[in-house]
Amino acid sequence: MSHRHTHEEKGRVTNSTVQNPRALVEYMIQFWSQNCRVTYRALGRETIQFGFESERDLQAVLRRGPFHFK
């Protein structure tokens, strides 16, 4: 992230041997970005930190999901 967001959430890839973490993040960013501005950074192979411009953007994502993928 280019600057520090105060509205952040962390996510985790539960099975990185089956799920492609980068593809998963790119899909989520594309899906969520339809309604808000979101950035991310990897905190390791299985953990991702998402940053949101505002509390409103964060709440919109939390209401909408998705929270898991197969």
PDB file of N, CA and C in Angstrom:
ATOM      1  N   MET A   1       0.838  -1.169   0.000  1.00  0.00           N
ATOM      2  CA  MET A   1       0.000   0.000   0.000  1.00  0.00           C
ATOM      3  C   MET A   1       0.885   1.234   0.000  1.00  0.00           C
ATOM      4  N   SER A   2       0.467   2.201  -0.728  1.00  0.00           N
ATOM      5  CA  SER A   2       1.301   3.384  -0.845  1.00  0.00           C
ATOM      6  C   SER A   2       1.241   4.271   0.388  1.00  0.00           C
ATOM      7  N   HIS A   3       0.172   4.184   1.155  1.00  0.00           N
ATOM      8  CA  HIS A   3       0.083   4.941   2.393  1.00  0.00           C
ATOM      9  C   HIS A   3      -0.720   4.144   3.403  1.00  0.00           C
ATOM     10  N   ARG A   4      -0.640   4.544   4.629  1.00  0.00           N
ATOM     11  CA  ARG A   4      -1.289   3.807   5.721  1.00  0.00           C
ATOM     12  C   ARG A   4      -2.778   4.081   5.740  1.00  0.00           C
ATOM     13  N   HIS A   5      -3.560   3.022   5.710  1.00  0.00           N
ATOM     14  CA  HIS A   5      -5.010   3.130   5.828  1.00  0.00           C
ATOM     15  C   HIS A   5      -5.389   2.911   7.284  1.00  0.00           C
ATOM     16  N   THR A   6      -6.401   3.594   7.734  1.00  0.00           N
ATOM     17  CA  THR A   6      -6.875   3.356   9.092  1.00  0.00           C
ATOM     18  C   THR A   6      -7.998   2.338   9.101  1.00  0.00           C
ATOM     19  N   HIS A   7      -8.499   1.992   7.940  1.00  0.00           N
ATOM     20  CA  HIS A   7      -9.596   1.032   7.821  1.00  0.00           C
ATOM     21  C   HIS A   7      -9.045  -0.211   7.133  1.00  0.00           C
ATOM     22  N   GLU A   8      -8.678  -1.202   7.930  1.00  0.00           N
ATOM     23  CA  GLU A   8      -8.011  -2.377   7.397  1.00  0.00           C
ATOM     24  C   GLU A   8      -8.662  -3.664   7.899  1.00  0.00           C
ATOM     25  N   GLU A   9      -8.526  -4.688   7.096  1.00  0.00           N
ATOM     26  CA  GLU A   9      -8.939  -6.041   7.460  1.00  0.00           C
ATOM     27  C   GLU A   9      -7.869  -6.987   6.954  1.00  0.00           C
ATOM     28  N   LYS A  10      -7.719  -8.110   7.634  1.00  0.00           N
ATOM     29  CA  LYS A  10      -6.776  -9.131   7.187  1.00  0.00           C
ATOM     30  C   LYS A  10      -7.543 -10.348   6.729  1.00  0.00           C
ATOM     31  N   GLY A  11      -6.989 -11.004   5.733  1.00  0.00           N
ATOM     32  CA  GLY A  11      -7.566 -12.237   5.214  1.00  0.00           C
ATOM     33  C   GLY A  11      -6.505 -13.310   5.173  1.00  0.00           C
ATOM     34  N   ARG A  12      -6.962 -14.545   5.070  1.00  0.00           N
ATOM     35  CA  ARG A  12      -6.025 -15.661   5.055  1.00  0.00           C
ATOM     36  C   ARG A  12      -6.467 -16.688   4.022  1.00  0.00           C
ATOM     37  N   VAL A  13      -5.514 -17.182   3.261  1.00  0.00           N
ATOM     38  CA  VAL A  13      -5.748 -18.281   2.334  1.00  0.00           C
ATOM     39  C   VAL A  13      -5.607 -19.558   3.157  1.00  0.00           C
ATOM     40  N   THR A  14      -6.665 -20.355   3.204  1.00  0.00           N
ATOM     41  CA  THR A  14      -6.653 -21.522   4.085  1.00  0.00           C
ATOM     42  C   THR A  14      -5.926 -22.723   3.503  1.00  0.00           C
ATOM     43  N   ASN A  15      -5.795 -22.785   2.187  1.00  0.00           N
ATOM     44  CA  ASN A  15      -5.099 -23.913   1.577  1.00  0.00           C
ATOM     45  C   ASN A  15      -4.324 -23.419   0.361  1.00  0.00           C
ATOM     46  N   SER A  16      -3.169 -22.867   0.609  1.00  0.00           N
ATOM     47  CA  SER A  16      -2.386 -22.252  -0.471  1.00  0.00           C
ATOM     48  C   SER A  16      -1.818 -23.275  -1.449  1.00  0.00           C
ATOM     49  N   THR A  17      -1.856 -24.555  -1.117  1.00  0.00           N
ATOM     50  CA  THR A  17      -1.400 -25.562  -2.072  1.00  0.00           C
ATOM     51  C   THR A  17      -2.457 -25.830  -3.138  1.00  0.00           C
ATOM     52  N   VAL A  18      -3.720 -25.530  -2.827  1.00  0.00           N
ATOM     53  CA  VAL A  18      -4.816 -25.719  -3.770  1.00  0.00           C
ATOM     54  C   VAL A  18      -5.263 -24.385  -4.361  1.00  0.00           C
ATOM     55  N   GLN A  19      -5.348 -23.367  -3.517  1.00  0.00           N
ATOM     56  CA  GLN A  19      -5.785 -22.040  -3.956  1.00  0.00           C
ATOM     57  C   GLN A  19      -4.575 -21.208  -4.352  1.00  0.00           C
ATOM     58  N   ASN A  20      -4.693 -20.460  -5.421  1.00  0.00           N
ATOM     59  CA  ASN A  20      -3.640 -19.541  -5.843  1.00  0.00           C
ATOM     60  C   ASN A  20      -3.885 -18.216  -5.111  1.00  0.00           C
ATOM     61  N   PRO A  21      -3.050 -17.887  -4.118  1.00  0.00           N
ATOM     62  CA  PRO A  21      -3.295 -16.679  -3.330  1.00  0.00           C
ATOM     63  C   PRO A  21      -3.400 -15.402  -4.172  1.00  0.00           C
ATOM     64  N   ARG A  22      -2.539 -15.250  -5.153  1.00  0.00           N
ATOM     65  CA  ARG A  22      -2.572 -14.033  -5.978  1.00  0.00           C
ATOM     66  C   ARG A  22      -3.860 -13.957  -6.792  1.00  0.00           C
ATOM     67  N   ALA A  23      -4.279 -15.048  -7.375  1.00  0.00           N
ATOM     68  CA  ALA A  23      -5.519 -15.060  -8.151  1.00  0.00           C
ATOM     69  C   ALA A  23      -6.718 -14.772  -7.253  1.00  0.00           C
ATOM     70  N   LEU A  24      -6.699 -15.315  -6.055  1.00  0.00           N
ATOM     71  CA  LEU A  24      -7.779 -15.082  -5.098  1.00  0.00           C
ATOM     72  C   LEU A  24      -7.878 -13.603  -4.734  1.00  0.00           C
ATOM     73  N   VAL A  25      -6.748 -13.002  -4.426  1.00  0.00           N
ATOM     74  CA  VAL A  25      -6.723 -11.578  -4.069  1.00  0.00           C
ATOM     75  C   VAL A  25      -7.162 -10.718  -5.242  1.00  0.00           C
ATOM     76  N   GLU A  26      -6.665 -11.009  -6.427  1.00  0.00           N
ATOM     77  CA  GLU A  26      -7.039 -10.222  -7.603  1.00  0.00           C
ATOM     78  C   GLU A  26      -8.542 -10.308  -7.866  1.00  0.00           C
ATOM     79  N   TYR A  27      -9.116 -11.486  -7.687  1.00  0.00           N
ATOM     80  CA  TYR A  27     -10.565 -11.622  -7.864  1.00  0.00           C
ATOM     81  C   TYR A  27     -11.321 -10.795  -6.825  1.00  0.00           C
ATOM     82  N   MET A  28     -10.906 -10.893  -5.574  1.00  0.00           N
ATOM     83  CA  MET A  28     -11.592 -10.155  -4.508  1.00  0.00           C
ATOM     84  C   MET A  28     -11.487  -8.642  -4.727  1.00  0.00           C
ATOM     85  N   ILE A  29     -10.307  -8.179  -5.095  1.00  0.00           N
ATOM     86  CA  ILE A  29     -10.106  -6.747  -5.353  1.00  0.00           C
ATOM     87  C   ILE A  29     -11.026  -6.293  -6.486  1.00  0.00           C
ATOM     88  N   GLN A  30     -11.062  -7.064  -7.561  1.00  0.00           N
ATOM     89  CA  GLN A  30     -11.924  -6.707  -8.694  1.00  0.00           C
ATOM     90  C   GLN A  30     -13.394  -6.714  -8.275  1.00  0.00           C
ATOM     91  N   PHE A  31     -13.804  -7.717  -7.541  1.00  0.00           N
ATOM     92  CA  PHE A  31     -15.188  -7.841  -7.093  1.00  0.00           C
ATOM     93  C   PHE A  31     -15.567  -6.683  -6.171  1.00  0.00           C
ATOM     94  N   TRP A  32     -14.720  -6.384  -5.188  1.00  0.00           N
ATOM     95  CA  TRP A  32     -15.017  -5.332  -4.222  1.00  0.00           C
ATOM     96  C   TRP A  32     -14.881  -3.941  -4.825  1.00  0.00           C
ATOM     97  N   SER A  33     -13.959  -3.750  -5.753  1.00  0.00           N
ATOM     98  CA  SER A  33     -13.669  -2.413  -6.275  1.00  0.00           C
ATOM     99  C   SER A  33     -14.802  -1.822  -7.091  1.00  0.00           C
ATOM    100  N   GLN A  34     -15.826  -2.593  -7.362  1.00  0.00           N
ATOM    101  CA  GLN A  34     -16.979  -2.059  -8.076  1.00  0.00           C
ATOM    102  C   GLN A  34     -17.682  -0.993  -7.237  1.00  0.00           C
ATOM    103  N   ASN A  35     -17.571  -1.092  -5.922  1.00  0.00           N
ATOM    104  CA  ASN A  35     -18.258  -0.165  -5.029  1.00  0.00           C
ATOM    105  C   ASN A  35     -17.334   0.699  -4.183  1.00  0.00           C
ATOM    106  N   CYS A  36     -16.051   0.358  -4.096  1.00  0.00           N
ATOM    107  CA  CYS A  36     -15.159   1.120  -3.230  1.00  0.00           C
ATOM    108  C   CYS A  36     -13.721   0.971  -3.700  1.00  0.00           C
ATOM    109  N   ARG A  37     -12.874   1.752  -3.094  1.00  0.00           N
ATOM    110  CA  ARG A  37     -11.451   1.690  -3.414  1.00  0.00           C
ATOM    111  C   ARG A  37     -10.740   0.868  -2.348  1.00  0.00           C
ATOM    112  N   VAL A  38     -10.049  -0.161  -2.790  1.00  0.00           N
ATOM    113  CA  VAL A  38      -9.376  -1.065  -1.866  1.00  0.00           C
ATOM    114  C   VAL A  38      -7.985  -1.399  -2.395  1.00  0.00           C
ATOM    115  N   THR A  39      -7.028  -1.493  -1.496  1.00  0.00           N
ATOM    116  CA  THR A  39      -5.666  -1.884  -1.831  1.00  0.00           C
ATOM    117  C   THR A  39      -5.303  -3.094  -0.974  1.00  0.00           C
ATOM    118  N   TYR A  40      -4.176  -3.717  -1.267  1.00  0.00           N
ATOM    119  CA  TYR A  40      -3.760  -4.863  -0.466  1.00  0.00           C
ATOM    120  C   TYR A  40      -2.250  -4.963  -0.421  1.00  0.00           C
ATOM    121  N   ARG A  41      -1.791  -5.756   0.529  1.00  0.00           N
ATOM    122  CA  ARG A  41      -0.387  -6.151   0.551  1.00  0.00           C
ATOM    123  C   ARG A  41      -0.290  -7.529   1.199  1.00  0.00           C
ATOM    124  N   ALA A  42       0.654  -8.298   0.728  1.00  0.00           N
ATOM    125  CA  ALA A  42       0.876  -9.633   1.265  1.00  0.00           C
ATOM    126  C   ALA A  42       1.651  -9.525   2.571  1.00  0.00           C
ATOM    127  N   LEU A  43       1.218 -10.290   3.553  1.00  0.00           N
ATOM    128  CA  LEU A  43       1.917 -10.353   4.838  1.00  0.00           C
ATOM    129  C   LEU A  43       2.516 -11.743   5.035  1.00  0.00           C
ATOM    130  N   GLY A  44       2.837 -12.373   3.943  1.00  0.00           N
ATOM    131  CA  GLY A  44       3.313 -13.749   3.950  1.00  0.00           C
ATOM    132  C   GLY A  44       2.572 -14.504   2.861  1.00  0.00           C
ATOM    133  N   ARG A  45       2.831 -15.777   2.723  1.00  0.00           N
ATOM    134  CA  ARG A  45       2.208 -16.561   1.652  1.00  0.00           C
ATOM    135  C   ARG A  45       0.708 -16.703   1.844  1.00  0.00           C
ATOM    136  N   GLU A  46       0.226 -16.765   3.070  1.00  0.00           N
ATOM    137  CA  GLU A  46      -1.185 -17.053   3.312  1.00  0.00           C
ATOM    138  C   GLU A  46      -1.983 -15.907   3.927  1.00  0.00           C
ATOM    139  N   THR A  47      -1.350 -14.804   4.259  1.00  0.00           N
ATOM    140  CA  THR A  47      -2.051 -13.705   4.915  1.00  0.00           C
ATOM    141  C   THR A  47      -1.986 -12.439   4.059  1.00  0.00           C
ATOM    142  N   ILE A  48      -3.132 -11.777   3.938  1.00  0.00           N
ATOM    143  CA  ILE A  48      -3.262 -10.568   3.125  1.00  0.00           C
ATOM    144  C   ILE A  48      -3.893  -9.474   3.968  1.00  0.00           C
ATOM    145  N   GLN A  49      -3.401  -8.262   3.823  1.00  0.00           N
ATOM    146  CA  GLN A  49      -3.996  -7.113   4.496  1.00  0.00           C
ATOM    147  C   GLN A  49      -4.655  -6.236   3.443  1.00  0.00           C
ATOM    148  N   PHE A  50      -5.925  -5.957   3.645  1.00  0.00           N
ATOM    149  CA  PHE A  50      -6.686  -5.105   2.743  1.00  0.00           C
ATOM    150  C   PHE A  50      -6.853  -3.741   3.389  1.00  0.00           C
ATOM    151  N   GLY A  51      -6.665  -2.689   2.613  1.00  0.00           N
ATOM    152  CA  GLY A  51      -6.829  -1.325   3.110  1.00  0.00           C
ATOM    153  C   GLY A  51      -7.955  -0.626   2.363  1.00  0.00           C
ATOM    154  N   PHE A  52      -8.769   0.103   3.104  1.00  0.00           N
ATOM    155  CA  PHE A  52      -9.930   0.781   2.533  1.00  0.00           C
ATOM    156  C   PHE A  52      -9.814   2.280   2.769  1.00  0.00           C
ATOM    157  N   GLU A  53     -10.276   3.056   1.805  1.00  0.00           N
ATOM    158  CA  GLU A  53     -10.186   4.519   1.882  1.00  0.00           C
ATOM    159  C   GLU A  53     -11.015   5.092   3.032  1.00  0.00           C
ATOM    160  N   SER A  54     -12.126   4.454   3.341  1.00  0.00           N
ATOM    161  CA  SER A  54     -13.012   5.008   4.376  1.00  0.00           C
ATOM    162  C   SER A  54     -13.708   3.883   5.130  1.00  0.00           C
ATOM    163  N   GLU A  55     -14.248   4.215   6.262  1.00  0.00           N
ATOM    164  CA  GLU A  55     -15.047   3.264   7.037  1.00  0.00           C
ATOM    165  C   GLU A  55     -16.246   2.807   6.213  1.00  0.00           C
ATOM    166  N   ARG A  56     -16.807   3.712   5.442  1.00  0.00           N
ATOM    167  CA  ARG A  56     -17.952   3.372   4.585  1.00  0.00           C
ATOM    168  C   ARG A  56     -17.584   2.279   3.577  1.00  0.00           C
ATOM    169  N   ASP A  57     -16.403   2.395   2.961  1.00  0.00           N
ATOM    170  CA  ASP A  57     -15.942   1.371   2.017  1.00  0.00           C
ATOM    171  C   ASP A  57     -15.750   0.028   2.720  1.00  0.00           C
ATOM    172  N   LEU A  58     -15.131   0.044   3.880  1.00  0.00           N
ATOM    173  CA  LEU A  58     -14.927  -1.180   4.642  1.00  0.00           C
ATOM    174  C   LEU A  58     -16.264  -1.832   4.987  1.00  0.00           C
ATOM    175  N   GLN A  59     -17.203  -1.055   5.467  1.00  0.00           N
ATOM    176  CA  GLN A  59     -18.515  -1.600   5.834  1.00  0.00           C
ATOM    177  C   GLN A  59     -19.265  -2.138   4.619  1.00  0.00           C
ATOM    178  N   ALA A  60     -19.107  -1.497   3.473  1.00  0.00           N
ATOM    179  CA  ALA A  60     -19.749  -1.984   2.248  1.00  0.00           C
ATOM    180  C   ALA A  60     -19.223  -3.366   1.880  1.00  0.00           C
ATOM    181  N   VAL A  61     -17.920  -3.570   2.017  1.00  0.00           N
ATOM    182  CA  VAL A  61     -17.322  -4.867   1.720  1.00  0.00           C
ATOM    183  C   VAL A  61     -17.774  -5.910   2.738  1.00  0.00           C
ATOM    184  N   LEU A  62     -17.787  -5.545   4.007  1.00  0.00           N
ATOM    185  CA  LEU A  62     -18.202  -6.494   5.039  1.00  0.00           C
ATOM    186  C   LEU A  62     -19.660  -6.912   4.865  1.00  0.00           C
ATOM    187  N   ARG A  63     -20.503  -6.002   4.412  1.00  0.00           N
ATOM    188  CA  ARG A  63     -21.906  -6.348   4.170  1.00  0.00           C
ATOM    189  C   ARG A  63     -22.055  -7.247   2.948  1.00  0.00           C
ATOM    190  N   ARG A  64     -21.239  -7.014   1.957  1.00  0.00           N
ATOM    191  CA  ARG A  64     -21.388  -7.701   0.678  1.00  0.00           C
ATOM    192  C   ARG A  64     -20.689  -9.061   0.618  1.00  0.00           C
ATOM    193  N   GLY A  65     -19.533  -9.168   1.265  1.00  0.00           N
ATOM    194  CA  GLY A  65     -18.742 -10.386   1.118  1.00  0.00           C
ATOM    195  C   GLY A  65     -18.043 -10.363  -0.232  1.00  0.00           C
ATOM    196  N   PRO A  66     -17.607 -11.415  -0.823  1.00  0.00           N
ATOM    197  CA  PRO A  66     -17.591 -12.762  -0.280  1.00  0.00           C
ATOM    198  C   PRO A  66     -16.455 -12.954   0.714  1.00  0.00           C
ATOM    199  N   PHE A  67     -16.592 -13.936   1.534  1.00  0.00           N
ATOM    200  CA  PHE A  67     -15.602 -14.178   2.568  1.00  0.00           C
ATOM    201  C   PHE A  67     -14.861 -15.489   2.380  1.00  0.00           C
ATOM    202  N   HIS A  68     -15.330 -16.342   1.466  1.00  0.00           N
ATOM    203  CA  HIS A  68     -14.625 -17.596   1.193  1.00  0.00           C
ATOM    204  C   HIS A  68     -14.851 -18.006  -0.255  1.00  0.00           C
ATOM    205  N   PHE A  69     -13.894 -18.756  -0.750  1.00  0.00           N
ATOM    206  CA  PHE A  69     -13.931 -19.244  -2.131  1.00  0.00           C
ATOM    207  C   PHE A  69     -13.489 -20.687  -2.128  1.00  0.00           C
ATOM    208  N   LYS A  70     -13.876 -21.430  -3.139  1.00  0.00           N
ATOM    209  CA  LYS A  70     -13.393 -22.811  -3.303  1.00  0.00           C
ATOM    210  C   LYS A  70     -12.392 -22.861  -4.413  1.00  0.00           C
TER     211      LYS A  70
END
